[in-house]
Amino acid sequence: MKTIQTKLASFIFLSRWIQAPLYFGLILALVIYAYEFALHLFILIKNLNTFDETQVMMAVLDLIDVVMIANLLIMVIIGGFEIFVSRLKLTGHPDHPEWLDEVNAGSMKVKLATALISISSIHLLKTFFDMSGLSNMEIMWQVLIHMTLVVSAIAIAVTNKLLGTGHKPKKV
């Protein structure tokens, strides 16, 4: 009976590798966002002489938005793989991300919530600079959704702190 239980436990633990293709799919999404960035940058450069200051700012905000989503993808890909699939063993690597030393499921939620707030902030800023075609109700909903993200992030951070899962010990 013990052998069956041990094999079942090993099989269940091995199932975490089912997530690996999901992370690969996110890497492909990251490639798509890199293409989107290049496309937006090309459009900005091509139209630099015809864009007014507001159009340049909106184009730059589009670039920032793409970068922030790409950063979110990197956090999910690297952090999620490290937490749920397998250690990346990057300690000592010159490009080892500092935030990876402190990542666990709780801190990852806080980092993701903060990234979503940042992305939402960019969208809200773009809305405030170009409200044409938007009703007051649509703008109100964007603000409410943003505030919901902020309150949710605070709740996640407080819960994480109360549960004492804010940081895992540094790897030595």
N, C-alpha and C. Protein backbone atom coordinates (compact mmCIF):
# COMPACT_ATOMS: atom_id res chain seq x y z
N MET A 1 0.82 -1.20 0.00
CA MET A 1 0.00 0.00 0.00
C MET A 1 0.87 1.27 0.00
N LYS A 2 1.97 1.22 0.73
CA LYS A 2 2.87 2.37 0.81
C LYS A 2 3.47 2.69 -0.56
N THR A 3 3.78 1.68 -1.36
CA THR A 3 4.36 1.89 -2.69
C THR A 3 3.36 2.60 -3.60
N ILE A 4 2.10 2.19 -3.57
CA ILE A 4 1.06 2.83 -4.38
C ILE A 4 0.90 4.29 -3.96
N GLN A 5 0.90 4.52 -2.66
CA GLN A 5 0.76 5.88 -2.14
C GLN A 5 1.96 6.74 -2.56
N THR A 6 3.15 6.21 -2.51
CA THR A 6 4.35 6.93 -2.90
C THR A 6 4.33 7.25 -4.39
N LYS A 7 3.93 6.28 -5.22
CA LYS A 7 3.85 6.50 -6.66
C LYS A 7 2.77 7.52 -7.01
N LEU A 8 1.65 7.44 -6.31
CA LEU A 8 0.57 8.41 -6.54
C LEU A 8 1.04 9.81 -6.17
N ALA A 9 1.73 9.94 -5.05
CA ALA A 9 2.25 11.24 -4.63
C ALA A 9 3.26 11.77 -5.65
N SER A 10 4.11 10.90 -6.16
CA SER A 10 5.09 11.31 -7.17
C SER A 10 4.39 11.75 -8.46
N PHE A 11 3.37 10.99 -8.84
CA PHE A 11 2.61 11.34 -10.05
C PHE A 11 1.92 12.69 -9.89
N ILE A 12 1.31 12.91 -8.74
CA ILE A 12 0.65 14.19 -8.48
C ILE A 12 1.67 15.33 -8.51
N PHE A 13 2.81 15.12 -7.88
CA PHE A 13 3.84 16.15 -7.87
C PHE A 13 4.37 16.41 -9.28
N LEU A 14 4.49 15.38 -10.07
CA LEU A 14 4.97 15.50 -11.44
C LEU A 14 3.97 16.27 -12.31
N SER A 15 2.70 16.27 -11.93
CA SER A 15 1.67 16.94 -12.74
C SER A 15 1.88 18.44 -12.86
N ARG A 16 2.71 19.01 -12.01
CA ARG A 16 2.99 20.45 -12.09
C ARG A 16 3.59 20.82 -13.44
N TRP A 17 4.23 19.85 -14.11
CA TRP A 17 4.86 20.11 -15.40
C TRP A 17 3.84 20.32 -16.51
N ILE A 18 2.58 20.02 -16.23
CA ILE A 18 1.52 20.30 -17.21
C ILE A 18 1.44 21.81 -17.47
N GLN A 19 1.86 22.61 -16.50
CA GLN A 19 1.84 24.06 -16.67
C GLN A 19 2.94 24.58 -17.59
N ALA A 20 3.97 23.82 -17.82
CA ALA A 20 5.10 24.30 -18.64
C ALA A 20 4.65 24.79 -20.02
N PRO A 21 3.79 24.07 -20.74
CA PRO A 21 3.35 24.61 -22.04
C PRO A 21 2.56 25.91 -21.91
N LEU A 22 1.90 26.11 -20.78
CA LEU A 22 1.18 27.36 -20.57
C LEU A 22 2.15 28.53 -20.49
N TYR A 23 3.26 28.33 -19.80
CA TYR A 23 4.28 29.38 -19.72
C TYR A 23 4.92 29.62 -21.08
N PHE A 24 5.09 28.55 -21.86
CA PHE A 24 5.60 28.70 -23.22
C PHE A 24 4.63 29.55 -24.05
N GLY A 25 3.34 29.32 -23.88
CA GLY A 25 2.33 30.13 -24.57
C GLY A 25 2.43 31.60 -24.18
N LEU A 26 2.71 31.87 -22.91
CA LEU A 26 2.89 33.26 -22.47
C LEU A 26 4.15 33.86 -23.08
N ILE A 27 5.17 33.05 -23.29
CA ILE A 27 6.37 33.55 -23.97
C ILE A 27 6.02 33.96 -25.40
N LEU A 28 5.19 33.17 -26.07
CA LEU A 28 4.74 33.53 -27.42
C LEU A 28 3.93 34.83 -27.37
N ALA A 29 3.09 35.00 -26.35
CA ALA A 29 2.34 36.26 -26.19
C ALA A 29 3.30 37.42 -26.00
N LEU A 30 4.41 37.19 -25.29
CA LEU A 30 5.43 38.23 -25.09
C LEU A 30 6.05 38.62 -26.43
N VAL A 31 6.29 37.65 -27.29
CA VAL A 31 6.82 37.93 -28.63
C VAL A 31 5.81 38.80 -29.40
N ILE A 32 4.53 38.50 -29.27
CA ILE A 32 3.49 39.30 -29.93
C ILE A 32 3.53 40.73 -29.41
N TYR A 33 3.71 40.91 -28.10
CA TYR A 33 3.77 42.26 -27.55
C TYR A 33 5.03 42.99 -28.01
N ALA A 34 6.13 42.27 -28.19
CA ALA A 34 7.35 42.90 -28.73
C ALA A 34 7.08 43.39 -30.15
N TYR A 35 6.35 42.61 -30.93
CA TYR A 35 5.96 43.03 -32.28
C TYR A 35 5.05 44.26 -32.22
N GLU A 36 4.09 44.24 -31.30
CA GLU A 36 3.19 45.39 -31.12
C GLU A 36 3.98 46.65 -30.77
N PHE A 37 4.97 46.51 -29.89
CA PHE A 37 5.80 47.65 -29.51
C PHE A 37 6.51 48.20 -30.73
N ALA A 38 7.14 47.32 -31.50
CA ALA A 38 7.87 47.76 -32.70
C ALA A 38 6.93 48.46 -33.68
N LEU A 39 5.73 47.93 -33.83
CA LEU A 39 4.74 48.53 -34.73
C LEU A 39 4.33 49.92 -34.25
N HIS A 40 4.03 50.05 -32.95
CA HIS A 40 3.66 51.37 -32.39
C HIS A 40 4.81 52.36 -32.52
N LEU A 41 6.03 51.89 -32.26
CA LEU A 41 7.20 52.76 -32.36
C LEU A 41 7.40 53.22 -33.80
N PHE A 42 7.24 52.31 -34.74
CA PHE A 42 7.37 52.65 -36.16
C PHE A 42 6.34 53.71 -36.56
N ILE A 43 5.10 53.54 -36.12
CA ILE A 43 4.03 54.51 -36.43
C ILE A 43 4.37 55.86 -35.83
N LEU A 44 4.88 55.88 -34.59
CA LEU A 44 5.25 57.14 -33.94
C LEU A 44 6.36 57.83 -34.73
N ILE A 45 7.40 57.09 -35.07
CA ILE A 45 8.53 57.68 -35.81
C ILE A 45 8.07 58.18 -37.18
N LYS A 46 7.26 57.37 -37.86
CA LYS A 46 6.78 57.72 -39.20
C LYS A 46 5.94 58.99 -39.19
N ASN A 47 5.16 59.20 -38.13
CA ASN A 47 4.25 60.33 -38.06
C ASN A 47 4.73 61.46 -37.15
N LEU A 48 5.99 61.42 -36.77
CA LEU A 48 6.52 62.40 -35.82
C LEU A 48 6.32 63.83 -36.30
N ASN A 49 6.48 64.08 -37.59
CA ASN A 49 6.34 65.45 -38.11
C ASN A 49 4.88 65.89 -38.22
N THR A 50 3.96 64.95 -38.24
CA THR A 50 2.54 65.32 -38.39
C THR A 50 1.78 65.26 -37.07
N PHE A 51 2.30 64.57 -36.07
CA PHE A 51 1.62 64.47 -34.78
C PHE A 51 1.79 65.76 -33.98
N ASP A 52 0.72 66.17 -33.30
CA ASP A 52 0.86 67.28 -32.36
C ASP A 52 1.33 66.69 -31.01
N GLU A 53 1.52 67.56 -30.03
CA GLU A 53 2.07 67.13 -28.74
C GLU A 53 1.19 66.07 -28.08
N THR A 54 -0.12 66.24 -28.14
CA THR A 54 -1.03 65.29 -27.52
C THR A 54 -0.96 63.93 -28.21
N GLN A 55 -0.87 63.93 -29.54
CA GLN A 55 -0.77 62.66 -30.27
C GLN A 55 0.54 61.94 -29.95
N VAL A 56 1.62 62.70 -29.80
CA VAL A 56 2.90 62.09 -29.43
C VAL A 56 2.79 61.48 -28.04
N MET A 57 2.18 62.23 -27.11
CA MET A 57 2.02 61.73 -25.75
C MET A 57 1.16 60.46 -25.72
N MET A 58 0.09 60.43 -26.50
CA MET A 58 -0.79 59.25 -26.56
C MET A 58 -0.03 58.06 -27.15
N ALA A 59 0.79 58.31 -28.16
CA ALA A 59 1.58 57.24 -28.76
C ALA A 59 2.62 56.70 -27.77
N VAL A 60 3.23 57.61 -27.02
CA VAL A 60 4.20 57.19 -26.00
C VAL A 60 3.49 56.40 -24.90
N LEU A 61 2.30 56.82 -24.51
CA LEU A 61 1.53 56.07 -23.51
C LEU A 61 1.18 54.67 -24.03
N ASP A 62 0.92 54.56 -25.33
CA ASP A 62 0.70 53.24 -25.92
C ASP A 62 1.94 52.37 -25.77
N LEU A 63 3.12 52.97 -26.01
CA LEU A 63 4.38 52.23 -25.86
C LEU A 63 4.58 51.79 -24.40
N ILE A 64 4.32 52.70 -23.48
CA ILE A 64 4.46 52.38 -22.05
C ILE A 64 3.51 51.27 -21.67
N ASP A 65 2.29 51.33 -22.18
CA ASP A 65 1.29 50.30 -21.90
C ASP A 65 1.78 48.93 -22.35
N VAL A 66 2.33 48.86 -23.56
CA VAL A 66 2.84 47.59 -24.08
C VAL A 66 3.99 47.08 -23.21
N VAL A 67 4.89 47.97 -22.81
CA VAL A 67 6.02 47.58 -21.97
C VAL A 67 5.53 47.07 -20.62
N MET A 68 4.54 47.73 -20.04
CA MET A 68 4.03 47.30 -18.73
C MET A 68 3.35 45.94 -18.82
N ILE A 69 2.64 45.69 -19.88
CA ILE A 69 2.03 44.37 -20.07
C ILE A 69 3.12 43.32 -20.27
N ALA A 70 4.16 43.68 -21.01
CA ALA A 70 5.29 42.76 -21.20
C ALA A 70 5.97 42.47 -19.86
N ASN A 71 6.12 43.49 -19.01
CA ASN A 71 6.69 43.28 -17.68
C ASN A 71 5.81 42.34 -16.86
N LEU A 72 4.50 42.52 -16.96
CA LEU A 72 3.57 41.65 -16.26
C LEU A 72 3.74 40.21 -16.74
N LEU A 73 3.86 40.04 -18.05
CA LEU A 73 4.07 38.70 -18.60
C LEU A 73 5.36 38.07 -18.06
N ILE A 74 6.43 38.86 -18.01
CA ILE A 74 7.71 38.35 -17.49
C ILE A 74 7.55 37.90 -16.05
N MET A 75 6.87 38.72 -15.23
CA MET A 75 6.66 38.35 -13.83
C MET A 75 5.89 37.04 -13.72
N VAL A 76 4.85 36.89 -14.53
CA VAL A 76 4.04 35.68 -14.47
C VAL A 76 4.84 34.48 -14.98
N ILE A 77 5.56 34.66 -16.08
CA ILE A 77 6.32 33.54 -16.66
C ILE A 77 7.42 33.08 -15.70
N ILE A 78 8.27 34.00 -15.31
CA ILE A 78 9.42 33.62 -14.47
C ILE A 78 8.97 33.27 -13.05
N GLY A 79 8.17 34.16 -12.46
CA GLY A 79 7.72 33.92 -11.08
C GLY A 79 6.83 32.70 -10.97
N GLY A 80 5.88 32.56 -11.89
CA GLY A 80 4.98 31.42 -11.84
C GLY A 80 5.71 30.10 -12.04
N PHE A 81 6.62 30.07 -13.00
CA PHE A 81 7.39 28.85 -13.24
C PHE A 81 8.20 28.50 -12.00
N GLU A 82 8.86 29.51 -11.43
CA GLU A 82 9.68 29.30 -10.23
C GLU A 82 8.85 28.80 -9.05
N ILE A 83 7.66 29.34 -8.88
CA ILE A 83 6.82 28.97 -7.74
C ILE A 83 6.14 27.61 -7.96
N PHE A 84 5.57 27.41 -9.13
CA PHE A 84 4.68 26.28 -9.31
C PHE A 84 5.26 25.10 -10.08
N VAL A 85 6.32 25.30 -10.86
CA VAL A 85 6.82 24.20 -11.68
C VAL A 85 8.19 23.73 -11.19
N SER A 86 9.20 24.57 -11.30
CA SER A 86 10.55 24.14 -10.94
C SER A 86 11.44 25.35 -10.68
N ARG A 87 12.40 25.17 -9.81
CA ARG A 87 13.37 26.23 -9.54
C ARG A 87 14.17 26.50 -10.81
N LEU A 88 14.45 27.78 -11.06
CA LEU A 88 15.23 28.16 -12.23
C LEU A 88 16.73 28.13 -11.97
N LYS A 89 17.11 28.08 -10.71
CA LYS A 89 18.52 28.01 -10.30
C LYS A 89 19.34 29.12 -10.94
N LEU A 90 18.90 30.35 -10.72
CA LEU A 90 19.57 31.51 -11.30
C LEU A 90 20.48 32.24 -10.32
N THR A 91 20.57 31.75 -9.08
CA THR A 91 21.40 32.40 -8.08
C THR A 91 22.83 32.48 -8.59
N GLY A 92 23.39 33.69 -8.54
CA GLY A 92 24.75 33.91 -9.02
C GLY A 92 24.81 34.34 -10.48
N HIS A 93 23.70 34.21 -11.19
CA HIS A 93 23.66 34.66 -12.59
C HIS A 93 23.70 36.19 -12.60
N PRO A 94 24.51 36.80 -13.46
CA PRO A 94 24.63 38.27 -13.44
C PRO A 94 23.31 39.01 -13.73
N ASP A 95 22.40 38.37 -14.44
CA ASP A 95 21.12 39.01 -14.76
C ASP A 95 19.97 38.52 -13.88
N HIS A 96 20.29 37.86 -12.79
CA HIS A 96 19.28 37.32 -11.88
C HIS A 96 18.38 38.47 -11.37
N PRO A 97 17.07 38.40 -11.64
CA PRO A 97 16.19 39.48 -11.17
C PRO A 97 16.11 39.49 -9.64
N GLU A 98 16.31 40.65 -9.06
CA GLU A 98 16.31 40.79 -7.60
C GLU A 98 14.98 40.38 -6.99
N TRP A 99 13.88 40.73 -7.66
CA TRP A 99 12.56 40.45 -7.11
C TRP A 99 12.28 38.95 -7.02
N LEU A 100 13.00 38.14 -7.78
CA LEU A 100 12.77 36.70 -7.79
C LEU A 100 13.16 36.06 -6.46
N ASP A 101 14.11 36.67 -5.74
CA ASP A 101 14.53 36.12 -4.44
C ASP A 101 13.41 36.19 -3.41
N GLU A 102 12.49 37.11 -3.59
CA GLU A 102 11.45 37.31 -2.59
C GLU A 102 10.08 36.87 -3.07
N VAL A 103 10.02 36.15 -4.16
CA VAL A 103 8.73 35.80 -4.72
C VAL A 103 8.21 34.49 -4.11
N ASN A 104 6.94 34.54 -3.75
CA ASN A 104 6.19 33.37 -3.34
C ASN A 104 4.76 33.61 -3.82
N ALA A 105 3.87 32.68 -3.60
CA ALA A 105 2.52 32.83 -4.14
C ALA A 105 1.84 34.11 -3.64
N GLY A 106 2.03 34.45 -2.36
CA GLY A 106 1.41 35.65 -1.80
C GLY A 106 2.00 36.93 -2.37
N SER A 107 3.33 37.02 -2.39
CA SER A 107 3.97 38.24 -2.90
C SER A 107 3.74 38.37 -4.40
N MET A 108 3.61 37.24 -5.09
CA MET A 108 3.34 37.28 -6.54
C MET A 108 1.98 37.92 -6.79
N LYS A 109 0.99 37.60 -5.97
CA LYS A 109 -0.34 38.20 -6.12
C LYS A 109 -0.27 39.71 -5.94
N VAL A 110 0.50 40.16 -4.95
CA VAL A 110 0.64 41.60 -4.71
C VAL A 110 1.33 42.27 -5.89
N LYS A 111 2.41 41.66 -6.40
CA LYS A 111 3.13 42.22 -7.55
C LYS A 111 2.23 42.29 -8.79
N LEU A 112 1.45 41.25 -9.02
CA LEU A 112 0.55 41.24 -10.17
C LEU A 112 -0.55 42.28 -10.02
N ALA A 113 -1.10 42.40 -8.81
CA ALA A 113 -2.15 43.39 -8.57
C ALA A 113 -1.60 44.80 -8.79
N THR A 114 -0.39 45.05 -8.32
CA THR A 114 0.25 46.35 -8.51
C THR A 114 0.49 46.62 -9.99
N ALA A 115 0.93 45.60 -10.72
CA ALA A 115 1.16 45.77 -12.16
C ALA A 115 -0.16 46.08 -12.88
N LEU A 116 -1.24 45.40 -12.49
CA LEU A 116 -2.54 45.67 -13.10
C LEU A 116 -3.00 47.09 -12.82
N ILE A 117 -2.74 47.58 -11.61
CA ILE A 117 -3.08 48.97 -11.28
C ILE A 117 -2.29 49.93 -12.16
N SER A 118 -1.02 49.64 -12.36
CA SER A 118 -0.19 50.51 -13.21
C SER A 118 -0.72 50.53 -14.65
N ILE A 119 -1.08 49.37 -15.17
CA ILE A 119 -1.63 49.29 -16.52
C ILE A 119 -2.96 50.04 -16.60
N SER A 120 -3.80 49.84 -15.59
CA SER A 120 -5.09 50.54 -15.54
C SER A 120 -4.88 52.06 -15.45
N SER A 121 -3.85 52.47 -14.73
CA SER A 121 -3.54 53.91 -14.61
C SER A 121 -3.20 54.52 -15.96
N ILE A 122 -2.44 53.78 -16.76
CA ILE A 122 -2.08 54.26 -18.10
C ILE A 122 -3.34 54.40 -18.95
N HIS A 123 -4.21 53.41 -18.89
CA HIS A 123 -5.46 53.48 -19.67
C HIS A 123 -6.33 54.65 -19.22
N LEU A 124 -6.39 54.84 -17.90
CA LEU A 124 -7.19 55.95 -17.36
C LEU A 124 -6.58 57.30 -17.77
N LEU A 125 -5.28 57.40 -17.74
CA LEU A 125 -4.60 58.63 -18.16
C LEU A 125 -4.91 58.92 -19.63
N LYS A 126 -4.85 57.89 -20.46
CA LYS A 126 -5.19 58.07 -21.88
C LYS A 126 -6.64 58.53 -22.04
N THR A 127 -7.52 57.99 -21.22
CA THR A 127 -8.93 58.39 -21.27
C THR A 127 -9.08 59.86 -20.90
N PHE A 128 -8.39 60.30 -19.86
CA PHE A 128 -8.49 61.70 -19.43
C PHE A 128 -7.94 62.66 -20.46
N PHE A 129 -6.93 62.23 -21.21
CA PHE A 129 -6.37 63.12 -22.23
C PHE A 129 -7.19 63.14 -23.51
N ASP A 130 -7.96 62.07 -23.74
CA ASP A 130 -8.78 62.02 -24.95
C ASP A 130 -10.15 61.44 -24.60
N MET A 131 -11.04 62.29 -24.12
CA MET A 131 -12.37 61.86 -23.70
C MET A 131 -13.38 61.92 -24.84
N SER A 132 -12.92 62.27 -26.02
CA SER A 132 -13.86 62.38 -27.14
C SER A 132 -14.46 61.01 -27.46
N GLY A 133 -15.74 61.01 -27.63
CA GLY A 133 -16.44 59.77 -27.98
C GLY A 133 -16.81 58.91 -26.78
N LEU A 134 -16.41 59.33 -25.58
CA LEU A 134 -16.75 58.56 -24.38
C LEU A 134 -17.81 59.31 -23.57
N SER A 135 -18.78 58.56 -23.11
CA SER A 135 -19.81 59.17 -22.26
C SER A 135 -19.29 59.26 -20.82
N ASN A 136 -19.96 60.09 -20.03
CA ASN A 136 -19.59 60.19 -18.62
C ASN A 136 -19.71 58.84 -17.92
N MET A 137 -20.70 58.06 -18.34
CA MET A 137 -20.92 56.74 -17.75
C MET A 137 -19.73 55.81 -18.04
N GLU A 138 -19.21 55.85 -19.28
CA GLU A 138 -18.06 55.02 -19.63
C GLU A 138 -16.82 55.44 -18.83
N ILE A 139 -16.63 56.73 -18.68
CA ILE A 139 -15.49 57.22 -17.90
C ILE A 139 -15.65 56.82 -16.43
N MET A 140 -16.87 56.95 -15.91
CA MET A 140 -17.13 56.57 -14.53
C MET A 140 -16.82 55.09 -14.30
N TRP A 141 -17.22 54.24 -15.24
CA TRP A 141 -16.95 52.81 -15.11
C TRP A 141 -15.44 52.54 -15.12
N GLN A 142 -14.71 53.25 -15.96
CA GLN A 142 -13.25 53.06 -15.98
C GLN A 142 -12.64 53.44 -14.63
N VAL A 143 -13.11 54.55 -14.05
CA VAL A 143 -12.60 54.98 -12.74
C VAL A 143 -12.99 53.97 -11.67
N LEU A 144 -14.23 53.48 -11.70
CA LEU A 144 -14.68 52.49 -10.72
C LEU A 144 -13.89 51.19 -10.82
N ILE A 145 -13.64 50.76 -12.03
CA ILE A 145 -12.84 49.54 -12.22
C ILE A 145 -11.43 49.74 -11.69
N HIS A 146 -10.86 50.92 -11.98
CA HIS A 146 -9.52 51.22 -11.48
C HIS A 146 -9.50 51.22 -9.95
N MET A 147 -10.48 51.88 -9.35
CA MET A 147 -10.54 51.93 -7.89
C MET A 147 -10.76 50.54 -7.29
N THR A 148 -11.52 49.71 -7.97
CA THR A 148 -11.71 48.33 -7.52
C THR A 148 -10.39 47.58 -7.52
N LEU A 149 -9.59 47.80 -8.56
CA LEU A 149 -8.26 47.18 -8.62
C LEU A 149 -7.38 47.66 -7.47
N VAL A 150 -7.44 48.97 -7.18
CA VAL A 150 -6.64 49.53 -6.09
C VAL A 150 -7.05 48.93 -4.76
N VAL A 151 -8.36 48.91 -4.48
CA VAL A 151 -8.86 48.35 -3.22
C VAL A 151 -8.51 46.87 -3.12
N SER A 152 -8.65 46.14 -4.23
CA SER A 152 -8.32 44.71 -4.24
C SER A 152 -6.84 44.49 -3.93
N ALA A 153 -5.98 45.30 -4.54
CA ALA A 153 -4.54 45.16 -4.30
C ALA A 153 -4.21 45.44 -2.83
N ILE A 154 -4.83 46.45 -2.27
CA ILE A 154 -4.60 46.75 -0.85
C ILE A 154 -5.08 45.59 0.01
N ALA A 155 -6.24 45.04 -0.30
CA ALA A 155 -6.78 43.90 0.46
C ALA A 155 -5.85 42.69 0.35
N ILE A 156 -5.34 42.43 -0.84
CA ILE A 156 -4.42 41.29 -1.04
C ILE A 156 -3.15 41.52 -0.24
N ALA A 157 -2.61 42.74 -0.29
CA ALA A 157 -1.37 43.05 0.43
C ALA A 157 -1.57 42.91 1.95
N VAL A 158 -2.69 43.43 2.45
CA VAL A 158 -2.96 43.35 3.89
C VAL A 158 -3.14 41.89 4.30
N THR A 159 -3.89 41.13 3.52
CA THR A 159 -4.10 39.71 3.82
C THR A 159 -2.77 38.98 3.80
N ASN A 160 -1.96 39.27 2.81
CA ASN A 160 -0.64 38.66 2.69
C ASN A 160 0.22 38.97 3.92
N LYS A 161 0.15 40.21 4.36
CA LYS A 161 0.92 40.65 5.54
C LYS A 161 0.41 39.96 6.81
N LEU A 162 -0.92 39.90 6.96
CA LEU A 162 -1.50 39.28 8.14
C LEU A 162 -1.19 37.79 8.22
N LEU A 163 -1.13 37.15 7.06
CA LEU A 163 -0.83 35.72 7.04
C LEU A 163 0.67 35.45 7.17
N GLY A 164 1.46 36.53 7.10
CA GLY A 164 2.91 36.38 7.27
C GLY A 164 3.58 35.72 6.07
N THR A 165 2.97 35.86 4.88
CA THR A 165 3.55 35.23 3.69
C THR A 165 4.20 36.26 2.80
N GLY A 166 4.55 37.41 3.35
CA GLY A 166 5.09 38.49 2.54
C GLY A 166 6.42 38.18 1.89
N HIS A 167 7.31 37.49 2.58
CA HIS A 167 8.64 37.22 2.02
C HIS A 167 9.06 35.82 2.41
N LYS A 168 9.77 35.18 1.52
CA LYS A 168 10.39 33.91 1.89
C LYS A 168 11.84 34.22 2.20
N PRO A 169 12.48 33.39 2.97
CA PRO A 169 13.88 33.67 3.32
C PRO A 169 14.75 33.76 2.06
N LYS A 170 15.75 34.62 2.13
CA LYS A 170 16.70 34.76 1.01
C LYS A 170 17.48 33.47 0.85
N LYS A 171 17.75 33.14 -0.41
CA LYS A 171 18.56 31.95 -0.71
C LYS A 171 20.03 32.27 -0.43
N VAL A 172 20.69 31.37 0.18
CA VAL A 172 22.11 31.59 0.49
C VAL A 172 22.98 30.73 -0.37
